[in-house]
Protein backbone atom coordinates (compact mmCIF):
# COMPACT_ATOMS: atom_id res chain seq x y z
CA MET A 1 5.35 -51.08 -14.38
CA GLN A 2 7.73 -53.01 -16.63
CA GLN A 3 10.50 -55.29 -15.32
CA ALA A 4 14.09 -54.69 -16.44
CA VAL A 5 16.41 -57.55 -17.37
CA ILE A 6 20.15 -57.61 -18.12
CA THR A 7 20.31 -59.68 -21.31
CA GLY A 8 23.87 -59.14 -22.49
CA THR A 9 27.31 -57.93 -21.45
CA GLY A 10 30.49 -57.10 -23.33
CA VAL A 11 34.06 -56.47 -22.34
CA PHE A 12 36.60 -54.79 -24.63
CA THR A 13 40.14 -55.63 -23.45
CA PRO A 14 43.05 -53.63 -24.91
CA PRO A 15 45.74 -55.69 -26.61
CA GLN A 16 48.66 -54.31 -24.61
CA THR A 17 49.57 -55.29 -21.02
CA ILE A 18 51.99 -53.91 -18.47
CA THR A 19 53.22 -56.32 -15.79
CA ASN A 20 54.20 -55.13 -12.34
CA ALA A 21 57.85 -55.89 -13.17
CA GLU A 22 57.72 -53.70 -16.27
CA LEU A 23 55.98 -50.94 -14.40
CA VAL A 24 58.51 -51.00 -11.54
CA GLU A 25 61.46 -50.94 -13.94
CA SER A 26 60.05 -47.89 -15.71
CA PHE A 27 59.10 -46.03 -12.48
CA ASN A 28 62.46 -46.63 -10.87
CA ALA A 29 64.25 -45.33 -13.98
CA TYR A 30 62.05 -42.22 -13.77
CA ALA A 31 62.82 -41.83 -10.06
CA ASP A 32 66.54 -42.00 -10.78
CA LEU A 33 66.26 -39.37 -13.48
CA PHE A 34 64.24 -37.09 -11.17
CA ASN A 35 66.72 -37.53 -8.28
CA ALA A 36 69.70 -36.82 -10.56
CA GLU A 37 68.10 -33.69 -12.09
CA ASN A 38 67.14 -32.37 -8.63
CA ALA A 39 70.21 -33.51 -6.69
CA ALA A 40 71.11 -30.03 -5.38
CA ALA A 41 67.53 -29.26 -4.22
CA ILE A 42 67.28 -32.70 -2.62
CA ALA A 43 70.59 -32.17 -0.80
CA ALA A 44 69.37 -28.80 0.43
CA GLY A 45 66.16 -30.32 1.71
CA ASP A 46 63.98 -28.29 -0.67
CA VAL A 47 62.78 -31.26 -2.68
CA ALA A 48 61.97 -34.79 -1.55
CA ALA A 49 63.82 -37.59 -3.30
CA LYS A 50 61.72 -40.20 -5.19
CA ASP A 51 61.80 -43.67 -3.59
CA HIS A 52 61.85 -46.78 -5.72
CA SER A 53 58.76 -48.94 -6.18
CA SER A 54 58.77 -52.72 -6.05
CA VAL A 55 56.72 -55.65 -7.30
CA GLU A 56 56.27 -56.82 -3.66
CA PHE A 57 54.93 -53.41 -2.62
CA ILE A 58 52.39 -53.31 -5.45
CA LEU A 59 51.11 -56.79 -4.88
CA LYS A 60 50.74 -56.30 -1.13
CA ALA A 61 49.04 -52.94 -1.52
CA SER A 62 46.56 -53.93 -4.21
CA GLY A 63 46.54 -57.56 -5.29
CA ILE A 64 47.22 -56.32 -8.86
CA GLU A 65 49.61 -58.32 -11.04
CA GLN A 66 49.17 -56.56 -14.40
CA ARG A 67 46.95 -54.09 -16.26
CA TYR A 68 45.71 -53.58 -19.83
CA VAL A 69 46.42 -50.22 -21.47
CA MET A 70 45.68 -48.49 -24.77
CA ASP A 71 49.37 -47.47 -25.10
CA LYS A 72 52.22 -49.17 -23.35
CA ASP A 73 55.25 -47.33 -24.72
CA GLY A 74 54.27 -43.87 -23.54
CA VAL A 75 53.48 -45.05 -20.04
CA LEU A 76 56.78 -46.93 -19.72
CA ASP A 77 58.93 -44.10 -21.16
CA PRO A 78 60.78 -42.70 -18.10
CA ALA A 79 60.96 -39.28 -19.79
CA ARG A 80 57.17 -39.24 -20.45
CA MET A 81 55.14 -41.49 -18.08
CA TYR A 82 51.71 -41.16 -19.73
CA PRO A 83 50.03 -42.71 -22.82
CA ARG A 84 50.88 -41.61 -26.34
CA LEU A 85 47.60 -41.60 -28.30
CA ARG A 86 47.31 -40.20 -31.81
CA GLN A 87 45.35 -37.08 -32.57
CA ARG A 88 42.15 -38.03 -34.41
CA SER A 89 40.27 -35.81 -36.81
CA ASP A 90 36.79 -34.66 -35.87
CA ASP A 91 35.45 -36.88 -38.67
CA GLU A 92 36.82 -40.05 -37.09
CA PRO A 93 35.23 -41.96 -34.16
CA GLY A 94 36.75 -40.90 -30.89
CA ILE A 95 38.83 -43.46 -29.03
CA MET A 96 36.23 -43.80 -26.22
CA ALA A 97 33.45 -44.36 -28.73
CA GLU A 98 35.56 -46.89 -30.62
CA ILE A 99 36.26 -49.13 -27.66
CA ALA A 100 32.71 -48.67 -26.38
CA LEU A 101 31.35 -49.87 -29.72
CA ASP A 102 33.32 -53.11 -29.43
CA ALA A 103 31.87 -53.81 -25.97
CA CYS A 104 28.35 -52.86 -27.11
CA ASN A 105 28.52 -55.23 -30.09
CA GLN A 106 29.50 -58.07 -27.78
CA ALA A 107 26.51 -57.37 -25.54
CA LEU A 108 24.18 -57.14 -28.51
CA GLU A 109 25.44 -60.41 -29.94
CA MET A 110 24.90 -62.19 -26.63
CA ALA A 111 21.28 -61.13 -26.65
CA SER A 112 20.73 -61.62 -30.45
CA ARG A 113 19.97 -57.91 -30.85
CA LYS A 114 21.11 -55.26 -33.29
CA GLY A 115 22.07 -51.63 -32.86
CA GLU A 116 18.77 -50.38 -34.29
CA ASP A 117 16.93 -52.24 -31.49
CA ILE A 118 18.38 -49.82 -28.91
CA ASP A 119 16.59 -46.63 -27.92
CA LEU A 120 18.82 -45.44 -25.04
CA VAL A 121 22.62 -45.25 -24.71
CA ILE A 122 24.21 -44.07 -21.49
CA CYS A 123 27.98 -43.56 -21.54
CA ALA A 124 28.91 -43.77 -17.86
CA ALA A 125 32.58 -43.28 -17.04
CA SER A 126 34.99 -41.44 -14.77
CA ASN A 127 36.25 -39.09 -17.47
CA MET A 128 35.08 -38.06 -20.97
CA GLU A 129 37.59 -37.25 -23.69
CA ARG A 130 35.68 -34.07 -24.56
CA ALA A 131 32.95 -31.90 -23.17
CA TYR A 132 30.60 -32.13 -26.19
CA PRO A 133 29.08 -33.54 -28.25
CA ALA A 134 28.34 -36.33 -25.80
CA ILE A 135 30.31 -39.54 -26.23
CA ALA A 136 27.04 -41.45 -25.77
CA ILE A 137 25.51 -39.72 -28.78
CA GLU A 138 28.53 -40.66 -30.83
CA ILE A 139 28.16 -44.30 -29.76
CA GLN A 140 24.44 -44.11 -30.56
CA LYS A 141 25.31 -43.01 -34.13
CA LEU A 142 27.95 -45.72 -34.60
CA LEU A 143 25.42 -48.35 -33.40
CA GLY A 144 22.63 -47.07 -35.63
CA ALA A 145 20.50 -46.82 -32.49
CA GLY A 146 17.42 -44.64 -32.13
CA GLY A 147 15.94 -42.80 -29.17
CA PHE A 148 18.38 -40.72 -27.17
CA ALA A 149 21.73 -40.82 -25.43
CA PHE A 150 23.64 -38.97 -22.70
CA ASP A 151 26.85 -39.06 -20.72
CA MET A 152 27.04 -39.70 -17.00
CA ASN A 153 29.93 -39.33 -14.53
CA VAL A 154 29.78 -40.65 -11.00
CA ALA A 155 33.41 -41.78 -11.09
CA CYS A 156 33.84 -45.46 -10.07
CA SER A 157 30.11 -45.87 -9.41
CA SER A 158 29.13 -44.75 -12.93
CA ALA A 159 28.14 -48.21 -14.16
CA THR A 160 25.74 -49.05 -11.32
CA PHE A 161 24.24 -45.54 -11.40
CA GLY A 162 23.80 -45.93 -15.17
CA ILE A 163 22.11 -49.31 -14.69
CA GLN A 164 19.69 -47.82 -12.20
CA ALA A 165 18.89 -44.91 -14.51
CA ALA A 166 18.30 -47.20 -17.51
CA ALA A 167 16.26 -49.72 -15.47
CA ASP A 168 14.08 -46.96 -14.09
CA MET A 169 13.33 -45.71 -17.60
CA ILE A 170 12.50 -49.20 -18.78
CA ARG A 171 10.22 -49.73 -15.77
CA THR A 172 8.26 -46.56 -16.48
CA GLY A 173 7.97 -47.33 -20.17
CA SER A 174 9.99 -44.49 -21.64
CA VAL A 175 12.45 -46.88 -23.34
CA ARG A 176 12.44 -50.56 -24.36
CA ARG A 177 16.16 -51.41 -24.62
CA ALA A 178 19.17 -49.61 -23.23
CA LEU A 179 22.94 -49.96 -23.39
CA VAL A 180 24.98 -48.75 -20.42
CA VAL A 181 28.57 -48.53 -21.60
CA ASN A 182 31.69 -47.77 -19.56
CA PRO A 183 34.74 -46.85 -21.65
CA GLU A 184 37.45 -46.30 -19.08
CA ILE A 185 40.79 -45.05 -20.38
CA THR A 186 42.07 -44.57 -16.89
CA SER A 187 45.71 -44.52 -18.03
CA GLY A 188 45.03 -40.98 -19.19
CA HIS A 189 44.22 -39.59 -15.75
CA LEU A 190 46.50 -41.75 -13.62
CA GLU A 191 49.67 -40.13 -12.30
CA TRP A 192 52.22 -42.73 -13.30
CA ARG A 193 54.98 -40.71 -11.58
CA ASP A 194 53.47 -41.15 -8.10
CA ARG A 195 54.77 -44.24 -6.25
CA ASP A 196 51.67 -44.47 -4.08
CA CYS A 197 49.27 -44.88 -6.99
CA HIS A 198 51.23 -45.58 -10.21
CA PHE A 199 50.06 -49.18 -10.25
CA ILE A 200 46.36 -48.75 -9.59
CA PHE A 201 44.52 -48.37 -12.89
CA GLY A 202 44.04 -50.13 -16.22
CA ASP A 203 42.05 -49.51 -19.41
CA VAL A 204 38.92 -51.36 -20.55
CA ALA A 205 35.38 -50.84 -21.82
CA THR A 206 32.28 -52.68 -20.69
CA ALA A 207 28.66 -52.65 -21.87
CA THR A 208 25.44 -53.89 -20.28
CA LEU A 209 22.30 -54.44 -22.30
CA ILE A 210 19.02 -53.97 -20.42
CA GLU A 211 15.56 -54.80 -21.82
CA ARG A 212 11.95 -55.21 -20.85
CA ARG A 213 11.13 -58.65 -19.48
CA GLU A 214 7.96 -58.84 -21.56
CA ASP A 215 10.04 -59.02 -24.78
CA ASP A 216 10.67 -62.73 -24.22
CA THR A 217 14.02 -61.97 -22.65
CA GLN A 218 16.33 -64.20 -20.68
CA GLY A 219 19.14 -63.17 -18.40
CA PHE A 220 19.22 -61.41 -15.00
CA LEU A 221 16.16 -59.68 -13.64
CA ILE A 222 17.04 -56.44 -11.91
CA ARG A 223 15.24 -57.05 -8.62
CA SER A 224 16.30 -53.77 -7.07
CA SER A 225 18.88 -51.01 -7.34
CA ARG A 226 20.00 -48.36 -4.91
CA CYS A 227 22.49 -45.47 -5.16
CA ALA A 228 23.90 -42.99 -2.61
CA THR A 229 26.44 -40.14 -2.53
CA GLU A 230 28.24 -38.17 0.17
CA PHE A 231 30.71 -35.40 -0.66
CA SER A 232 34.40 -35.93 0.03
CA ASN A 233 37.66 -34.48 -1.31
CA ASN A 234 39.66 -37.62 -0.50
CA ILE A 235 39.45 -38.81 -4.12
CA ARG A 236 39.77 -35.88 -6.52
CA ASN A 237 40.91 -34.72 -9.98
CA ASN A 238 40.92 -30.95 -10.52
CA ASN A 239 41.31 -31.02 -14.30
CA GLY A 240 38.50 -29.28 -16.19
CA PHE A 241 37.52 -26.69 -18.78
CA LEU A 242 38.30 -23.73 -16.51
CA ARG A 243 41.89 -24.86 -16.06
CA ARG A 244 43.43 -22.26 -18.37
CA THR A 245 41.59 -19.37 -16.68
CA ARG A 246 43.50 -19.84 -13.41
CA PRO A 247 47.05 -19.00 -12.37
CA ASP A 248 49.41 -21.79 -13.47
CA GLY A 249 46.33 -23.61 -14.74
CA VAL A 250 48.11 -25.26 -17.64
CA ALA A 251 51.24 -26.11 -15.66
CA ASP A 252 52.18 -29.72 -14.95
CA ARG A 253 50.36 -29.81 -11.61
CA ARG A 254 49.88 -32.91 -9.51
CA ASP A 255 46.20 -32.12 -8.78
CA MET A 256 45.32 -32.30 -12.49
CA GLN A 257 45.51 -36.12 -12.30
CA PHE A 258 43.97 -38.75 -10.02
CA MET A 259 44.64 -38.07 -6.36
CA GLN A 260 43.49 -39.88 -3.24
CA GLU A 261 44.09 -40.11 0.47
CA GLY A 262 44.09 -43.91 0.51
CA ARG A 263 43.89 -44.57 4.23
CA LYS A 264 41.13 -42.03 4.74
CA VAL A 265 39.23 -43.48 1.78
CA PHE A 266 39.33 -46.99 3.21
CA LYS A 267 38.34 -45.82 6.72
CA GLU A 268 35.40 -43.76 5.47
CA VAL A 269 34.16 -45.55 2.36
CA MET A 270 34.12 -49.19 3.43
CA PRO A 271 31.72 -48.76 6.41
CA MET A 272 29.53 -46.58 4.20
CA VAL A 273 29.40 -49.21 1.45
CA ALA A 274 28.77 -52.13 3.86
CA GLN A 275 25.95 -50.28 5.58
CA HIS A 276 24.49 -49.31 2.17
CA VAL A 277 24.50 -52.87 0.88
CA LEU A 278 23.09 -54.43 4.04
CA ALA A 279 20.28 -51.84 4.15
CA HIS A 280 19.55 -52.39 0.44
CA LEU A 281 19.31 -56.15 0.92
CA ALA A 282 17.03 -55.71 3.94
CA GLU A 283 14.69 -53.36 2.05
CA THR A 284 14.57 -55.83 -0.90
CA GLY A 285 13.80 -58.79 1.36
CA VAL A 286 17.01 -60.58 0.49
CA LYS A 287 19.17 -62.12 3.21
CA PRO A 288 22.97 -62.14 2.77
CA GLU A 289 22.93 -65.93 2.80
CA ASP A 290 20.53 -65.85 -0.17
CA LEU A 291 23.26 -64.35 -2.37
CA ARG A 292 25.21 -66.77 -4.45
CA ARG A 293 27.79 -64.19 -5.59
CA LEU A 294 29.06 -60.65 -5.04
CA TRP A 295 30.45 -58.83 -8.07
CA LEU A 296 32.38 -56.00 -6.47
CA HIS A 297 34.09 -52.81 -7.59
CA GLN A 298 37.61 -54.22 -7.91
CA ALA A 299 39.43 -51.25 -6.35
CA ASN A 300 41.84 -53.49 -4.51
CA LYS A 301 41.78 -56.93 -2.95
CA THR A 302 41.70 -55.68 0.66
CA MET A 303 38.60 -53.64 0.03
CA ASN A 304 36.84 -56.54 -1.66
CA ASP A 305 37.75 -58.91 1.15
CA PHE A 306 36.54 -56.42 3.77
CA LEU A 307 33.21 -55.85 2.05
CA GLY A 308 32.68 -59.58 1.42
CA ARG A 309 33.12 -60.32 5.13
CA LYS A 310 30.89 -57.47 6.19
CA VAL A 311 28.02 -58.43 3.83
CA LEU A 312 28.16 -62.20 4.28
CA GLY A 313 29.17 -62.15 7.96
CA ARG A 314 32.03 -64.55 7.25
CA ASP A 315 34.93 -65.08 4.88
CA PRO A 316 33.59 -65.60 1.34
CA GLU A 317 33.96 -69.08 -0.07
CA PRO A 318 35.90 -69.50 -3.35
CA GLY A 319 33.73 -68.22 -6.18
CA GLU A 320 31.43 -66.14 -3.98
CA GLN A 321 33.39 -62.93 -4.49
CA PRO A 322 35.41 -63.25 -7.74
CA ASN A 323 38.34 -60.85 -8.26
CA ILE A 324 39.51 -59.79 -11.70
CA LEU A 325 41.75 -56.94 -10.60
CA GLN A 326 44.87 -59.16 -10.58
CA ASP A 327 44.60 -59.14 -14.41
CA TYR A 328 42.79 -55.87 -15.13
CA ALA A 329 43.80 -53.71 -12.12
CA ASN A 330 41.28 -51.04 -11.01
CA THR A 331 39.22 -50.16 -14.09
CA SER A 332 37.03 -47.64 -12.30
CA SER A 333 33.32 -48.02 -13.16
CA ALA A 334 33.94 -51.08 -15.35
CA GLY A 335 35.38 -53.38 -12.65
CA SER A 336 32.18 -54.82 -11.24
CA ILE A 337 30.80 -55.31 -14.74
CA ILE A 338 33.89 -57.26 -15.82
CA ALA A 339 33.49 -59.47 -12.77
CA PHE A 340 29.79 -59.95 -13.55
CA ALA A 341 30.41 -60.66 -17.25
CA LYS A 342 33.10 -63.24 -16.58
CA HIS A 343 31.57 -64.93 -13.54
CA SER A 344 27.82 -65.25 -14.04
CA ASN A 345 27.33 -67.96 -16.70
CA ASP A 346 27.02 -70.67 -14.10
CA PHE A 347 23.90 -69.19 -12.45
CA ALA A 348 20.68 -71.23 -12.47
CA PRO A 349 17.20 -69.78 -12.51
CA GLY A 350 16.40 -68.27 -9.12
CA ASP A 351 20.02 -67.62 -8.12
CA LEU A 352 20.61 -64.21 -6.66
CA GLY A 353 23.68 -61.96 -6.84
CA LEU A 354 24.76 -58.39 -6.10
CA ILE A 355 26.62 -55.97 -8.33
CA CYS A 356 28.26 -53.22 -6.29
CA SER A 357 30.60 -50.31 -7.11
CA PHE A 358 31.86 -47.40 -5.05
CA GLY A 359 34.37 -44.61 -5.24
CA ALA A 360 34.90 -40.86 -5.62
CA GLY A 361 32.08 -38.62 -4.58
CA TYR A 362 31.86 -40.56 -2.32
CA SER A 363 29.41 -42.69 -4.29
CA VAL A 364 28.05 -46.21 -3.99
CA GLY A 365 25.66 -48.13 -6.19
CA SER A 366 24.26 -51.65 -5.74
CA VAL A 367 22.08 -53.82 -7.96
CA VAL A 368 20.37 -57.02 -6.82
CA VAL A 369 19.86 -59.44 -9.75
CA GLU A 370 18.13 -62.80 -10.15
CA ARG A 371 18.74 -65.29 -12.91
CA ILE A 372 15.53 -66.04 -14.87
């Protein structure tokens, strides 16, 4: 059996940002428009009025201060409230493949590799911009990579599930080098008109390069990985290719965007994730005190703080559980990889850490790594 090593990471960050203050101003303008247009129905009790959002509410609920997006103007337009992305011809690279390529090239450069060195590409993300051909195969072509490629969707756990799949194939000898890439244009499936969630997500793309250890590689040895799923409707998006076949299927329906029962999710997911991580560590022979750092999902600060305390048995020290969501917001599958990419350069050989993501499904994935 081969050993799998993470040798490079890349993070594509969109050039546009939306601060909480900008987001609140836009949302409140939308709420005022909605309330004015539906004044009679609101007065009759048939329609609920839209409440204003606030910077204080967002920060307390999430710890998020801003987010990066592919298009700012469309999101902040009170008459629109979703991104405005241009239609691309079928002969052009798709937008997901384009941002994925940027992250992949960063990861390749870190490891002094080229696209032709890759024989597996997994595009692992919460949503794909089309059904087929696979986004991963398009990325494979743009890279000049060989081998094969496929798409994977396990929502916010897609990156860790992709890492396990790639590492398993490297261990068994079916591939030598793999790129797991997570292009997350979450602004496209966030409901920006919903006060309870309009602040949650941001756009980004990450890439993780994984190779055989025998190829004179340096980086992070994947000591162990573990994934688990348990079905729940508490995080759901009903959009799909059968939409137009159903009554009112193409209508502007709330369930065609991201939906969640936040309190139920916290109550059910966090114990599941904590138990999963602690069992994984025990099976791997790693004690919580052996971990130098946790690179967590970045859903919100409260979740990260809860999991850090449960895993370590105490409040994490500064640097043990780095947060990046204050700048990036929740970036779905990419969040834990951003944290890992930006907060792992100080590791010395032998240092251990844990990459963990969790979300819709429910799903949870954890990866124990060791600096070599």
